[in-house]
Amino acid sequence: MSSTTKAKAVKHTLFVKFKDDVTKEQIEKIINDFTNLVNQVEPLKSLHWGTNLGIHDLNFGYTHAFETTFDDLEGLQEYLDSPIVNKFAEGFLPTMSQQFVMDYELF
């Protein structure tokens, strides 16, 4: 890949292990609120989520994945700085026992 190759998109992927006392209803509300961010935060182009299929024993207890897509790094930063996203995070972060985030460009 040459240094002039432009990324096609930027991904921000979050893997979550919820706390044991978080209910199924709380998780469903979080997922609903998270997916609604696509309609509220301009640089967020898409959000996909799923649960661990349990095929491999390499998930370290993470149960959910949330993948967001942006046109570029500036869009990701605008999303991370958004008051709407920060308000959502205030309710989401306390429900997690662990999280792992990876940001990467697609070529």
N, C-alpha and C. Protein backbone atom coordinates (compact mmCIF):
# COMPACT_ATOMS: atom_id res chain seq x y z
N MET A 1 0.85 -1.17 0.00
CA MET A 1 0.00 0.00 0.00
C MET A 1 0.89 1.23 0.00
N SER A 2 0.64 2.15 -0.88
CA SER A 2 1.46 3.35 -0.96
C SER A 2 1.00 4.37 0.06
N SER A 3 1.87 5.33 0.34
CA SER A 3 1.54 6.36 1.32
C SER A 3 0.46 7.30 0.81
N THR A 4 0.12 7.21 -0.48
CA THR A 4 -0.91 8.08 -1.04
C THR A 4 -2.28 7.39 -1.08
N THR A 5 -2.34 6.13 -0.66
CA THR A 5 -3.62 5.43 -0.65
C THR A 5 -4.53 6.05 0.40
N LYS A 6 -5.72 6.43 -0.04
CA LYS A 6 -6.68 7.06 0.88
C LYS A 6 -7.59 5.99 1.46
N ALA A 7 -7.83 6.10 2.75
CA ALA A 7 -8.73 5.17 3.42
C ALA A 7 -10.15 5.32 2.86
N LYS A 8 -10.86 4.20 2.73
CA LYS A 8 -12.24 4.21 2.26
C LYS A 8 -13.20 4.61 3.37
N ALA A 9 -12.80 4.33 4.61
CA ALA A 9 -13.64 4.64 5.76
C ALA A 9 -12.81 4.47 7.02
N VAL A 10 -13.36 4.95 8.12
CA VAL A 10 -12.76 4.76 9.44
C VAL A 10 -13.77 4.01 10.30
N LYS A 11 -13.31 2.98 10.98
CA LYS A 11 -14.17 2.18 11.87
C LYS A 11 -13.75 2.43 13.31
N HIS A 12 -14.75 2.43 14.18
CA HIS A 12 -14.56 2.55 15.63
C HIS A 12 -15.36 1.38 16.20
N THR A 13 -14.64 0.35 16.66
CA THR A 13 -15.30 -0.87 17.12
C THR A 13 -15.11 -1.03 18.62
N LEU A 14 -16.21 -1.22 19.29
CA LEU A 14 -16.24 -1.34 20.74
C LEU A 14 -16.72 -2.75 21.09
N PHE A 15 -15.94 -3.44 21.92
CA PHE A 15 -16.32 -4.74 22.46
C PHE A 15 -16.64 -4.55 23.93
N VAL A 16 -17.75 -5.12 24.39
CA VAL A 16 -18.26 -4.86 25.73
C VAL A 16 -18.52 -6.15 26.49
N LYS A 17 -18.17 -6.11 27.76
CA LYS A 17 -18.62 -7.11 28.73
C LYS A 17 -19.43 -6.34 29.74
N PHE A 18 -20.72 -6.64 29.82
CA PHE A 18 -21.59 -5.94 30.76
C PHE A 18 -21.41 -6.48 32.17
N LYS A 19 -21.69 -5.63 33.15
CA LYS A 19 -21.67 -6.05 34.54
C LYS A 19 -22.74 -7.12 34.76
N ASP A 20 -22.51 -8.00 35.70
CA ASP A 20 -23.43 -9.11 35.96
C ASP A 20 -24.83 -8.67 36.34
N ASP A 21 -24.96 -7.51 36.98
CA ASP A 21 -26.28 -7.06 37.44
C ASP A 21 -27.05 -6.24 36.40
N VAL A 22 -26.49 -6.09 35.20
CA VAL A 22 -27.19 -5.36 34.14
C VAL A 22 -28.22 -6.30 33.52
N THR A 23 -29.46 -5.84 33.45
CA THR A 23 -30.55 -6.68 32.96
C THR A 23 -30.62 -6.69 31.44
N LYS A 24 -31.33 -7.69 30.92
CA LYS A 24 -31.56 -7.78 29.48
C LYS A 24 -32.28 -6.53 28.98
N GLU A 25 -33.22 -6.02 29.76
CA GLU A 25 -33.96 -4.82 29.39
C GLU A 25 -33.04 -3.59 29.32
N GLN A 26 -32.11 -3.49 30.25
CA GLN A 26 -31.14 -2.38 30.21
C GLN A 26 -30.27 -2.48 28.96
N ILE A 27 -29.83 -3.68 28.64
CA ILE A 27 -29.00 -3.87 27.45
C ILE A 27 -29.79 -3.52 26.19
N GLU A 28 -31.04 -3.93 26.13
CA GLU A 28 -31.88 -3.61 24.97
C GLU A 28 -32.06 -2.09 24.82
N LYS A 29 -32.22 -1.38 25.93
CA LYS A 29 -32.34 0.08 25.88
C LYS A 29 -31.04 0.72 25.39
N ILE A 30 -29.91 0.21 25.88
CA ILE A 30 -28.62 0.74 25.44
C ILE A 30 -28.46 0.54 23.94
N ILE A 31 -28.78 -0.66 23.45
CA ILE A 31 -28.65 -0.94 22.02
C ILE A 31 -29.57 -0.01 21.22
N ASN A 32 -30.79 0.18 21.67
CA ASN A 32 -31.73 1.06 20.98
C ASN A 32 -31.21 2.50 20.96
N ASP A 33 -30.75 2.98 22.11
CA ASP A 33 -30.23 4.35 22.18
C ASP A 33 -28.98 4.51 21.32
N PHE A 34 -28.12 3.49 21.32
CA PHE A 34 -26.89 3.53 20.54
C PHE A 34 -27.23 3.60 19.04
N THR A 35 -28.13 2.74 18.59
CA THR A 35 -28.47 2.74 17.16
C THR A 35 -29.14 4.04 16.75
N ASN A 36 -29.85 4.70 17.66
CA ASN A 36 -30.47 5.98 17.34
C ASN A 36 -29.47 7.11 17.14
N LEU A 37 -28.23 6.92 17.60
CA LEU A 37 -27.22 7.96 17.41
C LEU A 37 -26.96 8.23 15.93
N VAL A 38 -27.20 7.23 15.07
CA VAL A 38 -26.99 7.41 13.63
C VAL A 38 -27.85 8.56 13.12
N ASN A 39 -29.02 8.74 13.68
CA ASN A 39 -29.92 9.81 13.25
C ASN A 39 -29.66 11.14 13.95
N GLN A 40 -28.75 11.14 14.92
CA GLN A 40 -28.53 12.35 15.72
C GLN A 40 -27.14 12.96 15.57
N VAL A 41 -26.19 12.17 15.13
CA VAL A 41 -24.80 12.65 15.05
C VAL A 41 -24.34 12.55 13.60
N GLU A 42 -24.20 13.69 12.95
CA GLU A 42 -23.95 13.78 11.51
C GLU A 42 -22.80 12.92 10.99
N PRO A 43 -21.61 12.94 11.59
CA PRO A 43 -20.52 12.19 10.97
C PRO A 43 -20.65 10.66 11.09
N LEU A 44 -21.56 10.19 11.93
CA LEU A 44 -21.75 8.75 12.10
C LEU A 44 -22.55 8.23 10.90
N LYS A 45 -21.90 7.44 10.06
CA LYS A 45 -22.53 6.96 8.82
C LYS A 45 -23.33 5.68 9.03
N SER A 46 -22.85 4.80 9.90
CA SER A 46 -23.59 3.57 10.17
C SER A 46 -23.14 2.99 11.51
N LEU A 47 -24.01 2.17 12.07
CA LEU A 47 -23.71 1.44 13.29
C LEU A 47 -24.29 0.04 13.15
N HIS A 48 -23.44 -0.94 13.38
CA HIS A 48 -23.87 -2.34 13.40
C HIS A 48 -23.47 -2.92 14.74
N TRP A 49 -24.25 -3.86 15.22
CA TRP A 49 -23.94 -4.48 16.49
C TRP A 49 -24.28 -5.96 16.42
N GLY A 50 -23.72 -6.71 17.33
CA GLY A 50 -24.02 -8.13 17.40
C GLY A 50 -23.53 -8.70 18.71
N THR A 51 -23.91 -9.94 18.95
CA THR A 51 -23.49 -10.64 20.16
C THR A 51 -22.55 -11.78 19.79
N ASN A 52 -21.74 -12.14 20.75
CA ASN A 52 -20.76 -13.21 20.54
C ASN A 52 -21.46 -14.51 20.18
N LEU A 53 -20.98 -15.17 19.16
CA LEU A 53 -21.57 -16.44 18.72
C LEU A 53 -21.05 -17.63 19.51
N GLY A 54 -19.95 -17.43 20.24
CA GLY A 54 -19.41 -18.50 21.07
C GLY A 54 -18.69 -19.60 20.29
N ILE A 55 -18.30 -19.33 19.07
CA ILE A 55 -17.62 -20.34 18.25
C ILE A 55 -16.22 -20.62 18.78
N HIS A 56 -15.52 -19.57 19.17
CA HIS A 56 -14.16 -19.69 19.69
C HIS A 56 -14.15 -19.35 21.17
N ASP A 57 -13.23 -19.90 21.86
CA ASP A 57 -13.09 -19.60 23.29
C ASP A 57 -12.04 -18.51 23.48
N LEU A 58 -12.10 -17.49 22.62
CA LEU A 58 -11.09 -16.43 22.63
C LEU A 58 -11.71 -15.06 22.88
N ASN A 59 -12.93 -15.02 23.39
CA ASN A 59 -13.63 -13.73 23.52
C ASN A 59 -13.38 -13.03 24.85
N PHE A 60 -12.69 -13.67 25.76
CA PHE A 60 -12.34 -13.08 27.06
C PHE A 60 -13.56 -12.54 27.81
N GLY A 61 -14.72 -13.12 27.57
CA GLY A 61 -15.93 -12.72 28.27
C GLY A 61 -16.69 -11.57 27.63
N TYR A 62 -16.19 -11.03 26.54
CA TYR A 62 -16.91 -9.95 25.85
C TYR A 62 -18.14 -10.54 25.17
N THR A 63 -19.27 -9.89 25.34
CA THR A 63 -20.54 -10.44 24.84
C THR A 63 -21.12 -9.67 23.66
N HIS A 64 -20.79 -8.39 23.53
CA HIS A 64 -21.39 -7.54 22.50
C HIS A 64 -20.30 -6.77 21.75
N ALA A 65 -20.57 -6.54 20.46
CA ALA A 65 -19.69 -5.71 19.63
C ALA A 65 -20.54 -4.63 18.97
N PHE A 66 -19.98 -3.42 18.91
CA PHE A 66 -20.63 -2.27 18.29
C PHE A 66 -19.63 -1.66 17.31
N GLU A 67 -19.99 -1.64 16.03
CA GLU A 67 -19.09 -1.12 15.00
C GLU A 67 -19.69 0.12 14.37
N THR A 68 -18.99 1.23 14.50
CA THR A 68 -19.45 2.48 13.89
C THR A 68 -18.53 2.83 12.73
N THR A 69 -19.09 3.54 11.74
CA THR A 69 -18.36 3.87 10.52
C THR A 69 -18.42 5.37 10.28
N PHE A 70 -17.26 5.91 9.86
CA PHE A 70 -17.11 7.34 9.56
C PHE A 70 -16.37 7.49 8.24
N ASP A 71 -16.53 8.64 7.60
CA ASP A 71 -15.83 8.90 6.35
C ASP A 71 -14.33 9.07 6.56
N ASP A 72 -13.96 9.67 7.71
CA ASP A 72 -12.55 9.98 7.95
C ASP A 72 -12.29 10.15 9.45
N LEU A 73 -11.03 10.36 9.80
CA LEU A 73 -10.65 10.52 11.20
C LEU A 73 -11.29 11.75 11.84
N GLU A 74 -11.47 12.79 11.04
CA GLU A 74 -12.10 14.00 11.56
C GLU A 74 -13.54 13.71 11.98
N GLY A 75 -14.23 12.89 11.21
CA GLY A 75 -15.60 12.51 11.56
C GLY A 75 -15.66 11.71 12.85
N LEU A 76 -14.69 10.80 13.01
CA LEU A 76 -14.62 10.04 14.26
C LEU A 76 -14.39 10.97 15.44
N GLN A 77 -13.48 11.91 15.30
CA GLN A 77 -13.20 12.83 16.40
C GLN A 77 -14.40 13.70 16.72
N GLU A 78 -15.11 14.15 15.69
CA GLU A 78 -16.32 14.95 15.91
C GLU A 78 -17.37 14.12 16.68
N TYR A 79 -17.50 12.86 16.32
CA TYR A 79 -18.40 11.94 17.03
C TYR A 79 -17.99 11.80 18.50
N LEU A 80 -16.70 11.57 18.74
CA LEU A 80 -16.22 11.38 20.11
C LEU A 80 -16.41 12.64 20.96
N ASP A 81 -16.35 13.81 20.33
CA ASP A 81 -16.51 15.07 21.04
C ASP A 81 -17.97 15.53 21.14
N SER A 82 -18.88 14.83 20.52
CA SER A 82 -20.27 15.26 20.46
C SER A 82 -20.94 15.23 21.83
N PRO A 83 -21.63 16.30 22.21
CA PRO A 83 -22.38 16.30 23.47
C PRO A 83 -23.45 15.21 23.50
N ILE A 84 -24.03 14.89 22.36
CA ILE A 84 -25.05 13.83 22.29
C ILE A 84 -24.43 12.49 22.63
N VAL A 85 -23.25 12.21 22.08
CA VAL A 85 -22.56 10.95 22.35
C VAL A 85 -22.11 10.91 23.80
N ASN A 86 -21.61 12.01 24.31
CA ASN A 86 -21.16 12.05 25.70
C ASN A 86 -22.33 11.84 26.66
N LYS A 87 -23.49 12.36 26.34
CA LYS A 87 -24.69 12.14 27.17
C LYS A 87 -25.07 10.66 27.15
N PHE A 88 -25.04 10.05 25.99
CA PHE A 88 -25.32 8.61 25.87
C PHE A 88 -24.32 7.81 26.68
N ALA A 89 -23.05 8.18 26.59
CA ALA A 89 -21.98 7.45 27.30
C ALA A 89 -22.15 7.51 28.82
N GLU A 90 -22.73 8.59 29.32
CA GLU A 90 -22.95 8.70 30.77
C GLU A 90 -23.80 7.56 31.30
N GLY A 91 -24.74 7.09 30.50
CA GLY A 91 -25.58 5.98 30.90
C GLY A 91 -25.00 4.62 30.52
N PHE A 92 -24.20 4.58 29.46
CA PHE A 92 -23.66 3.33 28.94
C PHE A 92 -22.42 2.87 29.72
N LEU A 93 -21.49 3.76 29.94
CA LEU A 93 -20.22 3.39 30.57
C LEU A 93 -20.37 2.68 31.92
N PRO A 94 -21.27 3.14 32.80
CA PRO A 94 -21.40 2.48 34.10
C PRO A 94 -21.93 1.04 34.03
N THR A 95 -22.49 0.64 32.89
CA THR A 95 -23.02 -0.72 32.77
C THR A 95 -21.96 -1.74 32.35
N MET A 96 -20.79 -1.26 31.97
CA MET A 96 -19.73 -2.15 31.47
C MET A 96 -18.79 -2.57 32.58
N SER A 97 -18.45 -3.84 32.59
CA SER A 97 -17.39 -4.28 33.49
C SER A 97 -16.05 -4.19 32.78
N GLN A 98 -16.06 -4.34 31.45
CA GLN A 98 -14.85 -4.19 30.65
C GLN A 98 -15.24 -3.70 29.26
N GLN A 99 -14.28 -3.03 28.63
CA GLN A 99 -14.47 -2.62 27.25
C GLN A 99 -13.13 -2.64 26.54
N PHE A 100 -13.20 -2.85 25.26
CA PHE A 100 -12.03 -2.83 24.40
C PHE A 100 -12.44 -2.07 23.14
N VAL A 101 -11.65 -1.08 22.74
CA VAL A 101 -11.96 -0.27 21.58
C VAL A 101 -10.80 -0.35 20.59
N MET A 102 -11.16 -0.45 19.32
CA MET A 102 -10.15 -0.41 18.27
C MET A 102 -10.66 0.53 17.18
N ASP A 103 -9.82 1.50 16.82
CA ASP A 103 -10.10 2.43 15.72
C ASP A 103 -9.15 2.08 14.59
N TYR A 104 -9.68 2.02 13.36
CA TYR A 104 -8.84 1.63 12.24
C TYR A 104 -9.41 2.17 10.93
N GLU A 105 -8.53 2.30 9.96
CA GLU A 105 -8.94 2.74 8.63
C GLU A 105 -9.11 1.52 7.74
N LEU A 106 -10.09 1.61 6.83
CA LEU A 106 -10.30 0.56 5.84
C LEU A 106 -9.68 0.99 4.51
N PHE A 107 -8.94 0.09 3.92
CA PHE A 107 -8.33 0.35 2.61
C PHE A 107 -8.80 -0.63 1.58
